[in-house]
Amino acid sequence: MAAEPEDYESVLCVKPAVLVYRVPPRASNRGYRAAEWQLDQPAWSGRLRITARGSTAFIRLEDKTSGELFAQAPVEQFPGIAVESVTDSSRYFVIRVEDENGRRAFIGVGFMDRGDAFDFNVALQDHFKWVRQQSELARQDPDQGPKLDLGFKEGQTIKLNIANMKKKEGAPGNPRPRLAGPGGLTLLPPPPGGRGCGERPPCLPGPARLPGTPITDSVLSWPQPSAPAAPAADAWGDFAKASGSTPNQTQGNTGWVQF
């Protein structure tokens, strides 16, 4: 038989060095103080490992070499009575350990590094945050509520009028298709009742053409030359203009000889 998800044990955090202290009874409800534990005389040292099985986390104190279990603290809620922080330091905690017979005791644990204490605290916070999320998802699971039946009942039929669903071509709201013209240009089709693609459009009045110079499509498709460049001035230009500007004038008796 396949094991249930609650039977799997996952490891949340491992810290190789942890110190264990005896905790004196509290004289009042003001909280625990690590300064009262004789911090220079720990009762035990070893490895700390946090595991999770289902919604319960377990703080396990184990021997560094053999892995033998020294004590275990089941945690069903955090923050809670199973794990408490001290009032005078962030590196020490009080945990409630429990044996196989159900006997319980409170002991103090401490870390040499503040980073280890932070990881210890965050590992428990993340686990119980996940537990709360899973509980909320279970309450919102749609499979647990009534299902909506959208199927047809026995003998139930429906009718579809397909004739009215077909729209006429050119009706309002029915866009006309666009035709692709030369060069990738998009052309609109002729309006309803107009000429087809093979019919010539009516002749429109235009500029008069000189006789003997027909303009055809083939001629218009030829490559067109660029604009002519301005003629270079030659050495005799000014003289030619001066001599040719008055070709019909009568030469007077000015004493000048024309060449």
Protein backbone atom coordinates (compact mmCIF):
# COMPACT_ATOMS: atom_id res chain seq x y z
CA MET A 1 0.00 0.00 0.00
CA ALA A 2 1.31 3.44 -0.89
CA ALA A 3 2.26 5.62 2.07
CA GLU A 4 0.15 8.65 2.86
CA PRO A 5 1.77 12.10 2.51
CA GLU A 6 1.81 12.42 6.33
CA ASP A 7 4.14 9.40 6.54
CA TYR A 8 6.95 11.16 4.64
CA GLU A 9 9.52 13.04 6.69
CA SER A 10 11.31 16.05 5.23
CA VAL A 11 14.34 17.86 6.61
CA LEU A 12 13.83 21.59 7.13
CA CYS A 13 17.08 22.67 8.76
CA VAL A 14 20.36 21.19 10.07
CA LYS A 15 22.79 22.99 12.40
CA PRO A 16 26.01 21.17 13.32
CA ALA A 17 26.60 22.93 16.65
CA VAL A 18 24.06 23.55 19.40
CA LEU A 19 24.37 23.87 23.18
CA VAL A 20 21.83 22.57 25.71
CA TYR A 21 21.25 24.11 29.15
CA ARG A 22 19.23 23.29 32.22
CA VAL A 23 16.48 25.83 32.72
CA PRO A 24 15.58 26.86 36.28
CA PRO A 25 11.86 27.21 37.08
CA ARG A 26 10.37 30.56 36.30
CA ALA A 27 9.53 32.66 39.30
CA SER A 28 6.98 34.73 37.33
CA ASN A 29 5.39 35.08 33.91
CA ARG A 30 7.91 37.66 32.73
CA GLY A 31 9.62 35.16 30.40
CA TYR A 32 12.88 33.22 30.31
CA ARG A 33 16.28 34.90 30.61
CA ALA A 34 19.41 33.21 29.24
CA ALA A 35 21.59 35.06 31.76
CA GLU A 36 20.22 32.74 34.47
CA TRP A 37 21.38 29.50 32.77
CA GLN A 38 25.10 29.45 33.54
CA LEU A 39 26.00 29.83 29.89
CA ASP A 40 29.65 28.85 30.48
CA GLN A 41 28.57 25.37 31.65
CA PRO A 42 26.33 23.75 28.97
CA ALA A 43 24.81 20.38 29.94
CA TRP A 44 25.20 18.90 26.44
CA SER A 45 26.42 19.83 22.92
CA GLY A 46 25.65 18.22 19.61
CA ARG A 47 23.74 18.66 16.37
CA LEU A 48 20.25 20.07 15.81
CA ARG A 49 17.99 18.90 13.02
CA ILE A 50 14.45 20.07 12.24
CA THR A 51 12.21 17.64 10.37
CA ALA A 52 8.55 17.73 9.36
CA ARG A 53 5.97 14.99 9.02
CA GLY A 54 2.59 16.23 7.94
CA SER A 55 1.75 19.44 9.78
CA THR A 56 4.02 18.68 12.78
CA ALA A 57 7.64 19.75 13.02
CA PHE A 58 10.20 17.94 15.19
CA ILE A 59 13.29 19.49 16.76
CA ARG A 60 15.80 16.66 17.14
CA LEU A 61 18.97 16.93 19.22
CA GLU A 62 21.45 14.30 17.97
CA ASP A 63 25.01 13.25 18.61
CA LYS A 64 27.41 14.80 16.10
CA THR A 65 29.22 11.54 15.34
CA SER A 66 26.78 8.67 15.76
CA GLY A 67 23.53 10.54 15.14
CA GLU A 68 22.01 9.02 18.31
CA LEU A 69 18.93 10.87 19.48
CA PHE A 70 19.42 12.84 22.70
CA ALA A 71 15.99 14.56 22.89
CA GLN A 72 13.11 15.47 20.62
CA ALA A 73 10.58 18.29 20.77
CA PRO A 74 7.39 17.96 18.68
CA VAL A 75 6.07 21.35 17.53
CA GLU A 76 2.44 21.59 16.45
CA GLN A 77 2.17 25.37 16.55
CA PHE A 78 4.66 28.21 16.17
CA PRO A 79 4.96 30.52 17.94
CA GLY A 80 3.66 28.58 20.90
CA ILE A 81 4.55 26.86 24.14
CA ALA A 82 6.73 24.25 22.42
CA VAL A 83 9.30 26.87 21.37
CA GLU A 84 9.83 30.18 23.18
CA SER A 85 12.44 32.89 22.73
CA VAL A 86 14.27 34.32 25.72
CA THR A 87 13.84 37.97 26.60
CA ASP A 88 17.52 38.96 26.74
CA SER A 89 19.08 37.36 23.63
CA SER A 90 18.26 36.28 20.07
CA ARG A 91 20.54 33.21 20.15
CA TYR A 92 18.77 31.22 22.88
CA PHE A 93 15.41 29.44 23.02
CA VAL A 94 13.43 27.25 25.41
CA ILE A 95 11.96 24.09 23.87
CA ARG A 96 9.65 21.47 25.33
CA VAL A 97 11.04 17.98 24.79
CA GLU A 98 8.95 14.82 25.06
CA ASP A 99 9.87 11.12 25.37
CA GLU A 100 8.04 8.04 24.11
CA ASN A 101 6.03 7.77 27.33
CA GLY A 102 4.66 11.32 26.99
CA ARG A 103 6.82 12.85 29.74
CA ARG A 104 7.79 16.44 29.04
CA ALA A 105 10.55 18.80 30.17
CA PHE A 106 11.76 22.27 29.28
CA ILE A 107 15.39 22.76 28.27
CA GLY A 108 17.36 25.65 26.88
CA VAL A 109 19.18 25.57 23.53
CA GLY A 110 21.65 28.10 22.24
CA PHE A 111 23.68 28.79 19.09
CA MET A 112 27.16 30.20 18.87
CA ASP A 113 26.29 32.14 15.71
CA ARG A 114 23.35 34.51 15.36
CA GLY A 115 22.91 33.34 11.75
CA ASP A 116 22.22 29.80 12.97
CA ALA A 117 19.61 31.09 15.41
CA PHE A 118 17.99 33.08 12.59
CA ASP A 119 17.84 30.00 10.33
CA PHE A 120 16.31 27.97 13.16
CA ASN A 121 13.57 30.54 13.64
CA VAL A 122 12.86 30.99 9.91
CA ALA A 123 12.66 27.24 9.25
CA LEU A 124 9.83 26.91 11.77
CA GLN A 125 8.06 30.02 10.47
CA ASP A 126 8.16 28.79 6.86
CA HIS A 127 6.84 25.36 7.76
CA PHE A 128 3.80 26.62 9.63
CA LYS A 129 3.14 29.24 6.96
CA TRP A 130 2.94 26.37 4.49
CA VAL A 131 0.60 24.50 6.86
CA ARG A 132 -1.76 27.48 6.98
CA GLN A 133 -1.74 27.82 3.20
CA GLN A 134 -2.58 24.16 2.74
CA SER A 135 -5.43 24.48 5.21
CA GLU A 136 -6.87 27.48 3.32
CA LEU A 137 -6.61 25.69 -0.01
CA ALA A 138 -8.44 22.70 1.41
CA ARG A 139 -11.32 24.94 2.51
CA GLN A 140 -11.48 26.57 -0.94
CA ASP A 141 -11.29 23.32 -2.93
CA PRO A 142 -14.17 23.37 -5.44
CA ASP A 143 -14.24 19.56 -5.57
CA GLN A 144 -15.62 19.50 -2.04
CA GLY A 145 -18.61 21.73 -2.87
CA PRO A 146 -21.71 21.01 -4.97
CA LYS A 147 -20.95 20.57 -8.67
CA LEU A 148 -22.86 22.40 -11.39
CA ASP A 149 -24.46 19.96 -13.82
CA LEU A 150 -24.43 21.44 -17.33
CA GLY A 151 -25.34 18.24 -19.16
CA PHE A 152 -28.57 17.59 -21.04
CA LYS A 153 -31.37 15.87 -19.22
CA GLU A 154 -32.83 12.73 -20.71
CA GLY A 155 -35.00 13.63 -23.72
CA GLN A 156 -33.97 17.28 -23.71
CA THR A 157 -33.21 18.84 -27.13
CA ILE A 158 -32.27 22.23 -28.53
CA LYS A 159 -32.95 23.88 -31.91
CA LEU A 160 -30.52 25.93 -33.97
CA ASN A 161 -31.72 28.19 -36.84
CA ILE A 162 -28.67 28.14 -39.09
CA ALA A 163 -30.37 30.11 -41.92
CA ASN A 164 -30.53 33.30 -39.87
CA MET A 165 -26.90 32.95 -38.80
CA LYS A 166 -25.58 33.46 -42.36
CA LYS A 167 -25.04 37.10 -43.21
CA LYS A 168 -25.42 38.52 -46.69
CA GLU A 169 -22.35 39.79 -48.42
CA GLY A 170 -22.05 43.55 -48.08
CA ALA A 171 -24.49 43.74 -45.16
CA PRO A 172 -23.72 46.26 -42.39
CA GLY A 173 -21.16 44.91 -39.97
CA ASN A 174 -19.74 42.46 -42.57
CA PRO A 175 -16.40 43.95 -43.72
CA ARG A 176 -15.63 43.54 -47.40
CA PRO A 177 -12.48 41.60 -48.27
CA ARG A 178 -9.48 43.55 -49.43
CA LEU A 179 -7.57 42.64 -52.58
CA ALA A 180 -3.81 42.64 -52.88
CA GLY A 181 -2.50 44.85 -55.67
CA PRO A 182 0.93 45.18 -57.28
CA GLY A 183 3.78 45.83 -54.89
CA GLY A 184 1.87 44.49 -51.91
CA LEU A 185 -0.63 47.38 -51.86
CA THR A 186 -4.05 46.64 -50.45
CA LEU A 187 -6.94 47.55 -52.74
CA LEU A 188 -10.59 47.78 -51.89
CA PRO A 189 -12.95 45.78 -54.13
CA PRO A 190 -15.43 47.70 -56.32
CA PRO A 191 -18.72 48.69 -54.68
CA PRO A 192 -21.72 46.43 -55.19
CA GLY A 193 -23.12 46.78 -58.74
CA GLY A 194 -19.89 48.38 -60.06
CA ARG A 195 -17.63 47.24 -62.82
CA GLY A 196 -15.61 44.10 -62.64
CA CYS A 197 -11.85 43.84 -62.64
CA GLY A 198 -11.72 43.27 -66.42
CA GLU A 199 -13.77 46.31 -67.46
CA ARG A 200 -12.11 49.57 -68.47
CA PRO A 201 -13.01 52.72 -66.53
CA PRO A 202 -14.66 55.58 -68.46
CA CYS A 203 -12.39 58.04 -70.18
CA LEU A 204 -11.89 61.26 -68.32
CA PRO A 205 -10.90 64.55 -69.94
CA GLY A 206 -7.21 65.20 -69.61
CA PRO A 207 -4.45 67.34 -71.06
CA ALA A 208 -4.19 67.40 -74.83
CA ARG A 209 -1.54 65.14 -76.29
CA LEU A 210 0.69 66.13 -79.18
CA PRO A 211 -0.03 64.22 -82.38
CA GLY A 212 2.49 61.59 -83.34
CA THR A 213 3.70 60.99 -79.72
CA PRO A 214 1.58 58.16 -78.35
CA ILE A 215 1.90 57.39 -74.62
CA THR A 216 1.65 53.69 -73.93
CA ASP A 217 1.98 51.58 -70.82
CA SER A 218 5.20 50.05 -72.09
CA VAL A 219 6.81 53.43 -72.49
CA LEU A 220 5.76 54.56 -69.04
CA SER A 221 7.31 51.45 -67.57
CA TRP A 222 10.76 52.28 -68.90
CA PRO A 223 13.37 53.62 -66.48
CA GLN A 224 13.30 57.39 -66.55
CA PRO A 225 16.53 59.36 -66.87
CA SER A 226 17.57 61.79 -64.25
CA ALA A 227 17.24 65.53 -64.71
CA PRO A 228 19.78 66.89 -67.23
CA ALA A 229 22.77 68.62 -65.78
CA ALA A 230 23.37 72.29 -66.43
CA PRO A 231 25.65 72.78 -69.48
CA ALA A 232 29.18 73.83 -68.67
CA ALA A 233 30.05 77.38 -69.63
CA ASP A 234 32.46 77.40 -72.51
CA ALA A 235 35.08 79.97 -73.19
CA TRP A 236 33.09 81.59 -76.02
CA GLY A 237 29.74 81.68 -74.25
CA ASP A 238 29.68 85.34 -73.39
CA PHE A 239 31.01 86.29 -76.77
CA ALA A 240 28.41 84.13 -78.56
CA LYS A 241 25.59 85.64 -76.56
CA ALA A 242 26.83 89.14 -77.30
CA SER A 243 27.14 88.46 -80.98
CA GLY A 244 23.89 86.55 -81.31
CA SER A 245 21.69 88.69 -79.12
CA THR A 246 20.91 91.15 -81.98
CA PRO A 247 20.93 89.06 -85.16
CA ASN A 248 18.51 91.31 -87.04
CA GLN A 249 19.86 94.67 -85.96
CA THR A 250 21.50 96.81 -88.61
CA GLN A 251 25.16 97.54 -87.99
CA GLY A 252 25.78 101.25 -87.56
CA ASN A 253 28.78 103.28 -88.44
CA THR A 254 30.36 102.82 -85.04
CA GLY A 255 33.83 102.10 -86.25
CA TRP A 256 33.81 98.53 -84.87
CA VAL A 257 34.50 95.60 -87.10
CA GLN A 258 32.48 92.43 -86.55
CA PHE A 259 34.37 89.11 -86.73
